[in-house]
Amino acid sequence: MESKKDAFRKYLEGAGVIDAITKALVSLYEEPDKPVSGLEFLKTSLGAPTKEEHDALVAEKESVEKQLEDAKATIEKLQAEIEGLKVKEEEPAPEAEEAAA
């Protein structure tokens, strides 16, 4: 069991996790005005988006998804128009039928 803990500790050190957490905790300790949520402070220190940034990204994602759906609908409409034009081109013209008779 102890070897697993040591291996995990070495992994965390090698990946820089311990240094990042230590720096975040030190910056929280040195903060003159302690934040209301220490966890949110740590998340932000470690690079997580704030609530406002997250909400903005979600709104942007929804907007892009709507644009994508609109573009797909436009593509389908245009493809249907193209198919309709192809069918008209393939139909023999009335003058061509009379000339053949």
Protein backbone atom coordinates (compact mmCIF):
# COMPACT_ATOMS: atom_id res chain seq x y z
CA MET A 1 0.00 0.00 0.00
CA GLU A 2 2.84 2.36 0.89
CA SER A 3 4.52 1.79 -2.48
CA LYS A 4 1.32 2.81 -4.28
CA LYS A 5 1.21 6.04 -2.26
CA ASP A 6 4.85 6.76 -3.07
CA ALA A 7 4.31 6.04 -6.75
CA PHE A 8 1.30 8.36 -6.80
CA ARG A 9 3.21 11.08 -4.94
CA LYS A 10 6.04 10.82 -7.48
CA TYR A 11 3.50 11.03 -10.29
CA LEU A 12 1.98 14.20 -8.81
CA GLU A 13 5.43 15.75 -8.35
CA GLY A 14 6.51 14.84 -11.87
CA ALA A 15 3.34 16.23 -13.40
CA GLY A 16 3.72 19.52 -11.53
CA VAL A 17 0.46 19.10 -9.64
CA ILE A 18 2.00 19.58 -6.19
CA ASP A 19 3.77 22.77 -7.28
CA ALA A 20 0.59 24.20 -8.82
CA ILE A 21 -1.51 23.45 -5.75
CA THR A 22 1.18 24.81 -3.44
CA LYS A 23 1.38 28.07 -5.42
CA ALA A 24 -2.41 28.40 -5.38
CA LEU A 25 -2.57 27.81 -1.64
CA VAL A 26 0.25 30.29 -0.99
CA SER A 27 -1.51 32.94 -3.08
CA LEU A 28 -4.72 32.32 -1.10
CA TYR A 29 -2.77 32.62 2.16
CA GLU A 30 -1.14 35.87 1.04
CA GLU A 31 -4.44 37.37 -0.15
CA PRO A 32 -5.14 40.37 2.12
CA ASP A 33 -8.92 40.20 1.57
CA LYS A 34 -9.87 36.56 1.81
CA PRO A 35 -12.41 35.55 -0.85
CA VAL A 36 -15.84 34.34 0.18
CA SER A 37 -15.25 31.00 -1.51
CA GLY A 38 -11.76 29.61 -1.06
CA LEU A 39 -12.57 26.77 -3.42
CA GLU A 40 -13.53 29.17 -6.22
CA PHE A 41 -10.30 31.10 -5.62
CA LEU A 42 -8.29 27.88 -5.95
CA LYS A 43 -10.15 26.85 -9.10
CA THR A 44 -9.45 30.23 -10.67
CA SER A 45 -5.82 30.12 -9.56
CA LEU A 46 -5.45 26.73 -11.22
CA GLY A 47 -6.93 28.00 -14.48
CA ALA A 48 -10.61 27.12 -14.29
CA PRO A 49 -12.99 29.66 -15.83
CA THR A 50 -15.01 31.88 -13.53
CA LYS A 51 -18.80 31.53 -13.34
CA GLU A 52 -19.20 34.53 -15.66
CA GLU A 53 -16.70 33.13 -18.18
CA HIS A 54 -18.44 29.76 -18.06
CA ASP A 55 -21.86 31.33 -18.65
CA ALA A 56 -20.47 33.39 -21.56
CA LEU A 57 -18.97 30.27 -23.14
CA VAL A 58 -22.23 28.36 -22.76
CA ALA A 59 -24.16 31.23 -24.37
CA GLU A 60 -21.64 31.37 -27.23
CA LYS A 61 -21.89 27.60 -27.71
CA GLU A 62 -25.69 27.79 -27.89
CA SER A 63 -25.46 30.63 -30.42
CA VAL A 64 -23.03 28.67 -32.59
CA GLU A 65 -25.25 25.58 -32.41
CA LYS A 66 -28.23 27.68 -33.58
CA GLN A 67 -26.15 29.06 -36.47
CA LEU A 68 -25.15 25.51 -37.38
CA GLU A 69 -28.76 24.34 -37.40
CA ASP A 70 -29.74 27.33 -39.56
CA ALA A 71 -26.89 26.57 -41.96
CA LYS A 72 -27.93 22.92 -42.19
CA ALA A 73 -31.52 23.95 -42.95
CA THR A 74 -30.30 26.32 -45.66
CA ILE A 75 -28.12 23.59 -47.18
CA GLU A 76 -31.05 21.16 -47.25
CA LYS A 77 -33.27 23.80 -48.89
CA LEU A 78 -30.65 24.59 -51.54
CA GLN A 79 -30.04 20.90 -52.23
CA ALA A 80 -33.77 20.41 -52.74
CA GLU A 81 -33.82 23.34 -55.18
CA ILE A 82 -30.87 21.85 -57.07
CA GLU A 83 -32.65 18.49 -57.30
CA GLY A 84 -35.75 20.26 -58.59
CA LEU A 85 -33.70 22.01 -61.27
CA LYS A 86 -32.07 18.73 -62.30
CA VAL A 87 -35.48 17.10 -62.72
CA LYS A 88 -36.64 19.99 -64.93
CA GLU A 89 -33.50 19.69 -67.08
CA GLU A 90 -34.04 15.96 -67.53
CA GLU A 91 -37.67 16.39 -68.70
CA PRO A 92 -37.87 16.73 -72.49
CA ALA A 93 -38.88 20.17 -73.67
CA PRO A 94 -42.31 20.36 -75.38
CA GLU A 95 -40.73 21.61 -78.62
CA ALA A 96 -38.37 18.65 -78.68
CA GLU A 97 -41.32 16.23 -78.37
CA GLU A 98 -43.17 17.90 -81.28
CA ALA A 99 -40.07 17.88 -83.51
CA ALA A 100 -39.53 14.19 -82.83
CA ALA A 101 -43.13 13.33 -83.85
